[in-house]
Amino acid sequence: MLGALALPVLSATTASAAPVAASALASSSCSSLPPLPYEVHTKAVTIRSKATTKSTALGVLYRGHKFTVHKKSGNWLYIMDKTTGIKGWVSGTYVYRDVRMCLD
């Protein structure tokens, strides 16, 4: 024998309140905000003197470290680690840019 399944009933007020809340959050445009930083998404990534794995290692960035990219060459990113002041290249394979969603 099957029992009855009770489901909550949404009122019209609750359903219509959600779009109002979303539009209130989107009232300021996020397109004018500065770009978000890149972040290491692997255990560690090596900072190198040139955009190649055969070049000299200058330092290491660890998971969660955030940084700014100054230029790109293929899949390599030229960065400056603000913590140590080291400038060099990291492979774009192991880092990702944080993103935000704009509701303009």
N, C-alpha and C. Protein backbone atom coordinates (compact mmCIF):
# COMPACT_ATOMS: atom_id res chain seq x y z
N MET A 1 0.83 -1.17 0.00
CA MET A 1 0.00 0.00 0.00
C MET A 1 0.88 1.24 0.00
N LEU A 2 0.57 2.21 -0.81
CA LEU A 2 1.35 3.44 -0.91
C LEU A 2 0.79 4.52 -0.01
N GLY A 3 1.67 5.25 0.64
CA GLY A 3 1.23 6.35 1.49
C GLY A 3 1.15 7.64 0.71
N ALA A 4 0.53 8.61 1.26
CA ALA A 4 0.40 9.92 0.61
C ALA A 4 1.70 10.70 0.79
N LEU A 5 2.07 11.46 -0.20
CA LEU A 5 3.27 12.29 -0.16
C LEU A 5 2.85 13.73 0.04
N ALA A 6 3.32 14.35 1.09
CA ALA A 6 2.95 15.74 1.36
C ALA A 6 4.02 16.67 0.80
N LEU A 7 3.64 17.60 -0.02
CA LEU A 7 4.55 18.59 -0.59
C LEU A 7 4.18 19.97 -0.08
N PRO A 8 5.16 20.80 0.20
CA PRO A 8 4.84 22.16 0.65
C PRO A 8 4.22 22.97 -0.49
N VAL A 9 3.32 23.84 -0.12
CA VAL A 9 2.66 24.69 -1.10
C VAL A 9 3.27 26.09 -1.00
N LEU A 10 3.71 26.62 -2.14
CA LEU A 10 4.29 27.96 -2.16
C LEU A 10 3.18 28.98 -2.36
N SER A 11 3.25 30.02 -1.61
CA SER A 11 2.26 31.08 -1.80
C SER A 11 2.68 31.97 -2.95
N ALA A 12 1.77 32.71 -3.51
CA ALA A 12 2.06 33.62 -4.62
C ALA A 12 3.02 34.72 -4.17
N THR A 13 2.97 35.10 -2.92
CA THR A 13 3.86 36.14 -2.41
C THR A 13 5.30 35.67 -2.42
N THR A 14 5.55 34.44 -2.00
CA THR A 14 6.90 33.90 -1.98
C THR A 14 7.45 33.77 -3.39
N ALA A 15 6.67 33.27 -4.31
CA ALA A 15 7.12 33.08 -5.68
C ALA A 15 7.44 34.41 -6.36
N SER A 16 6.69 35.43 -6.11
CA SER A 16 6.93 36.71 -6.77
C SER A 16 8.03 37.50 -6.08
N ALA A 17 8.40 37.15 -4.85
CA ALA A 17 9.43 37.89 -4.13
C ALA A 17 10.82 37.56 -4.67
N ALA A 18 11.05 36.38 -5.19
CA ALA A 18 12.37 35.98 -5.66
C ALA A 18 12.90 36.87 -6.78
N PRO A 19 12.12 37.18 -7.85
CA PRO A 19 12.66 38.05 -8.89
C PRO A 19 12.98 39.45 -8.39
N VAL A 20 12.24 39.94 -7.43
CA VAL A 20 12.50 41.28 -6.88
C VAL A 20 13.85 41.27 -6.18
N ALA A 21 14.12 40.22 -5.39
CA ALA A 21 15.40 40.13 -4.68
C ALA A 21 16.56 40.05 -5.67
N ALA A 22 16.41 39.28 -6.75
CA ALA A 22 17.47 39.15 -7.74
C ALA A 22 17.73 40.47 -8.45
N SER A 23 16.68 41.22 -8.76
CA SER A 23 16.89 42.48 -9.45
C SER A 23 17.50 43.52 -8.53
N ALA A 24 17.25 43.41 -7.23
CA ALA A 24 17.85 44.34 -6.28
C ALA A 24 19.36 44.12 -6.21
N LEU A 25 19.81 42.86 -6.30
CA LEU A 25 21.23 42.57 -6.28
C LEU A 25 21.92 43.04 -7.56
N ALA A 26 21.22 43.02 -8.67
CA ALA A 26 21.81 43.39 -9.95
C ALA A 26 21.68 44.87 -10.24
N SER A 27 21.31 45.68 -9.26
CA SER A 27 21.08 47.09 -9.52
C SER A 27 22.37 47.83 -9.90
N SER A 28 23.54 47.36 -9.43
CA SER A 28 24.79 47.98 -9.85
C SER A 28 25.46 47.09 -10.88
N SER A 29 26.01 47.70 -11.93
CA SER A 29 26.63 46.95 -13.00
C SER A 29 28.00 46.42 -12.56
N CYS A 30 28.27 45.16 -12.82
CA CYS A 30 29.57 44.61 -12.45
C CYS A 30 30.57 44.70 -13.60
N SER A 31 30.15 45.17 -14.76
CA SER A 31 31.08 45.29 -15.88
C SER A 31 32.13 46.37 -15.64
N SER A 32 31.86 47.29 -14.72
CA SER A 32 32.83 48.34 -14.42
C SER A 32 33.81 47.93 -13.32
N LEU A 33 33.62 46.76 -12.72
CA LEU A 33 34.51 46.29 -11.67
C LEU A 33 35.81 45.76 -12.28
N PRO A 34 36.92 45.83 -11.53
CA PRO A 34 38.19 45.31 -12.07
C PRO A 34 38.12 43.79 -12.23
N PRO A 35 38.95 43.23 -13.13
CA PRO A 35 38.93 41.79 -13.32
C PRO A 35 39.39 41.06 -12.06
N LEU A 36 38.90 39.86 -11.88
CA LEU A 36 39.27 39.05 -10.73
C LEU A 36 40.65 38.43 -10.94
N PRO A 37 41.35 38.07 -9.87
CA PRO A 37 42.70 37.51 -10.00
C PRO A 37 42.69 36.06 -10.48
N TYR A 38 43.85 35.60 -10.88
CA TYR A 38 44.04 34.19 -11.19
C TYR A 38 44.37 33.48 -9.89
N GLU A 39 44.20 32.14 -9.89
CA GLU A 39 44.47 31.37 -8.69
C GLU A 39 45.04 30.01 -9.07
N VAL A 40 45.97 29.49 -8.27
CA VAL A 40 46.56 28.17 -8.50
C VAL A 40 45.55 27.12 -8.08
N HIS A 41 45.26 26.17 -8.98
CA HIS A 41 44.27 25.12 -8.70
C HIS A 41 44.88 23.73 -8.77
N THR A 42 46.15 23.63 -8.47
CA THR A 42 46.84 22.35 -8.34
C THR A 42 47.69 22.44 -7.08
N LYS A 43 48.39 21.39 -6.73
CA LYS A 43 49.18 21.43 -5.49
C LYS A 43 50.20 22.57 -5.51
N ALA A 44 50.88 22.74 -6.63
CA ALA A 44 51.87 23.81 -6.77
C ALA A 44 52.19 24.03 -8.24
N VAL A 45 52.66 25.23 -8.56
CA VAL A 45 53.08 25.55 -9.92
C VAL A 45 54.40 26.32 -9.81
N THR A 46 55.32 26.02 -10.72
CA THR A 46 56.65 26.64 -10.70
C THR A 46 56.66 27.93 -11.50
N ILE A 47 57.26 28.97 -10.93
CA ILE A 47 57.49 30.22 -11.65
C ILE A 47 58.82 30.06 -12.38
N ARG A 48 58.84 30.31 -13.68
CA ARG A 48 60.04 30.09 -14.49
C ARG A 48 60.52 31.39 -15.14
N SER A 49 61.80 31.39 -15.52
CA SER A 49 62.41 32.59 -16.11
C SER A 49 61.93 32.83 -17.54
N LYS A 50 61.58 31.77 -18.25
CA LYS A 50 61.07 31.86 -19.63
C LYS A 50 59.83 30.99 -19.75
N ALA A 51 59.10 31.16 -20.82
CA ALA A 51 57.86 30.42 -21.04
C ALA A 51 58.13 29.03 -21.59
N THR A 52 58.90 28.25 -20.84
CA THR A 52 59.21 26.88 -21.21
C THR A 52 59.56 26.08 -19.96
N THR A 53 59.27 24.78 -19.97
CA THR A 53 59.55 23.94 -18.81
C THR A 53 61.05 23.70 -18.62
N LYS A 54 61.85 23.99 -19.63
CA LYS A 54 63.29 23.77 -19.54
C LYS A 54 64.03 24.98 -18.95
N SER A 55 63.33 26.07 -18.71
CA SER A 55 63.98 27.28 -18.18
C SER A 55 64.18 27.18 -16.67
N THR A 56 64.95 28.11 -16.14
CA THR A 56 65.29 28.14 -14.72
C THR A 56 64.06 28.38 -13.85
N ALA A 57 63.95 27.60 -12.76
CA ALA A 57 62.87 27.79 -11.80
C ALA A 57 63.24 28.94 -10.87
N LEU A 58 62.30 29.90 -10.72
CA LEU A 58 62.55 31.07 -9.87
C LEU A 58 61.82 31.00 -8.54
N GLY A 59 60.74 30.24 -8.50
CA GLY A 59 59.94 30.15 -7.29
C GLY A 59 58.78 29.20 -7.49
N VAL A 60 57.94 29.08 -6.47
CA VAL A 60 56.79 28.17 -6.50
C VAL A 60 55.58 28.89 -5.93
N LEU A 61 54.43 28.68 -6.56
CA LEU A 61 53.15 29.16 -6.02
C LEU A 61 52.35 27.93 -5.63
N TYR A 62 51.69 27.99 -4.48
CA TYR A 62 50.93 26.85 -3.98
C TYR A 62 49.43 27.05 -4.15
N ARG A 63 48.69 25.95 -4.03
CA ARG A 63 47.23 25.95 -4.21
C ARG A 63 46.58 27.11 -3.45
N GLY A 64 45.67 27.79 -4.13
CA GLY A 64 44.92 28.88 -3.53
C GLY A 64 45.60 30.24 -3.62
N HIS A 65 46.88 30.27 -4.03
CA HIS A 65 47.59 31.54 -4.15
C HIS A 65 46.98 32.35 -5.30
N LYS A 66 46.69 33.62 -5.05
CA LYS A 66 46.10 34.48 -6.08
C LYS A 66 47.14 35.46 -6.58
N PHE A 67 47.06 35.77 -7.89
CA PHE A 67 48.03 36.65 -8.50
C PHE A 67 47.43 37.32 -9.73
N THR A 68 48.12 38.33 -10.24
CA THR A 68 47.68 39.06 -11.42
C THR A 68 48.58 38.70 -12.60
N VAL A 69 47.97 38.53 -13.76
CA VAL A 69 48.71 38.23 -14.99
C VAL A 69 48.99 39.53 -15.74
N HIS A 70 50.24 39.72 -16.16
CA HIS A 70 50.62 40.93 -16.88
C HIS A 70 50.63 40.74 -18.39
N LYS A 71 50.96 39.53 -18.86
CA LYS A 71 50.88 39.23 -20.30
C LYS A 71 50.82 37.73 -20.50
N LYS A 72 50.49 37.32 -21.73
CA LYS A 72 50.35 35.91 -22.06
C LYS A 72 51.18 35.59 -23.30
N SER A 73 51.65 34.35 -23.38
CA SER A 73 52.34 33.84 -24.56
C SER A 73 51.94 32.39 -24.71
N GLY A 74 51.05 32.13 -25.65
CA GLY A 74 50.51 30.78 -25.80
C GLY A 74 49.75 30.40 -24.55
N ASN A 75 50.16 29.28 -23.92
CA ASN A 75 49.52 28.82 -22.69
C ASN A 75 50.30 29.26 -21.45
N TRP A 76 51.26 30.16 -21.61
CA TRP A 76 52.07 30.64 -20.50
C TRP A 76 51.63 32.03 -20.08
N LEU A 77 51.69 32.30 -18.77
CA LEU A 77 51.27 33.59 -18.21
C LEU A 77 52.43 34.24 -17.48
N TYR A 78 52.70 35.51 -17.79
CA TYR A 78 53.76 36.25 -17.10
C TYR A 78 53.13 36.93 -15.89
N ILE A 79 53.67 36.62 -14.71
CA ILE A 79 53.06 37.10 -13.46
C ILE A 79 54.10 37.76 -12.56
N MET A 80 53.60 38.47 -11.56
CA MET A 80 54.46 38.95 -10.48
C MET A 80 53.80 38.51 -9.17
N ASP A 81 54.56 37.77 -8.38
CA ASP A 81 54.07 37.35 -7.07
C ASP A 81 54.28 38.52 -6.11
N LYS A 82 53.19 39.15 -5.69
CA LYS A 82 53.27 40.34 -4.82
C LYS A 82 53.85 40.00 -3.46
N THR A 83 53.73 38.76 -3.02
CA THR A 83 54.25 38.36 -1.72
C THR A 83 55.78 38.39 -1.70
N THR A 84 56.40 37.85 -2.76
CA THR A 84 57.86 37.75 -2.80
C THR A 84 58.51 38.73 -3.77
N GLY A 85 57.72 39.29 -4.69
CA GLY A 85 58.27 40.19 -5.70
C GLY A 85 58.86 39.47 -6.91
N ILE A 86 58.74 38.15 -6.95
CA ILE A 86 59.29 37.38 -8.07
C ILE A 86 58.43 37.55 -9.31
N LYS A 87 59.09 37.84 -10.45
CA LYS A 87 58.41 37.94 -11.74
C LYS A 87 58.84 36.76 -12.58
N GLY A 88 57.89 36.17 -13.31
CA GLY A 88 58.24 35.05 -14.16
C GLY A 88 57.02 34.46 -14.84
N TRP A 89 57.22 33.32 -15.45
CA TRP A 89 56.20 32.64 -16.24
C TRP A 89 55.66 31.42 -15.51
N VAL A 90 54.34 31.21 -15.58
CA VAL A 90 53.71 29.99 -15.07
C VAL A 90 52.86 29.38 -16.18
N SER A 91 52.73 28.08 -16.15
CA SER A 91 51.91 27.39 -17.14
C SER A 91 50.44 27.63 -16.87
N GLY A 92 49.70 28.02 -17.89
CA GLY A 92 48.26 28.26 -17.77
C GLY A 92 47.46 27.00 -17.55
N THR A 93 48.10 25.84 -17.67
CA THR A 93 47.41 24.56 -17.46
C THR A 93 46.98 24.39 -16.01
N TYR A 94 47.73 25.00 -15.08
CA TYR A 94 47.50 24.76 -13.66
C TYR A 94 46.87 25.92 -12.91
N VAL A 95 46.52 26.97 -13.60
CA VAL A 95 45.92 28.13 -12.94
C VAL A 95 44.64 28.51 -13.68
N TYR A 96 43.72 29.13 -12.93
CA TYR A 96 42.45 29.54 -13.50
C TYR A 96 42.10 30.92 -12.99
N ARG A 97 41.32 31.61 -13.77
CA ARG A 97 40.87 32.93 -13.35
C ARG A 97 39.53 32.80 -12.64
N ASP A 98 39.42 33.48 -11.50
CA ASP A 98 38.14 33.54 -10.83
C ASP A 98 37.16 34.30 -11.73
N VAL A 99 35.89 33.95 -11.68
CA VAL A 99 34.90 34.61 -12.52
C VAL A 99 33.75 35.10 -11.68
N ARG A 100 33.06 36.10 -12.17
CA ARG A 100 31.83 36.56 -11.53
C ARG A 100 30.76 36.61 -12.60
N MET A 101 29.53 36.46 -12.18
CA MET A 101 28.42 36.50 -13.12
C MET A 101 27.72 37.83 -13.00
N CYS A 102 27.63 38.54 -14.12
CA CYS A 102 26.95 39.84 -14.12
C CYS A 102 25.50 39.64 -14.59
N LEU A 103 24.61 40.30 -13.95
CA LEU A 103 23.20 40.21 -14.30
C LEU A 103 22.73 41.54 -14.89
N ASP A 104 23.51 42.08 -15.82
CA ASP A 104 23.16 43.37 -16.45
C ASP A 104 22.00 43.23 -17.39
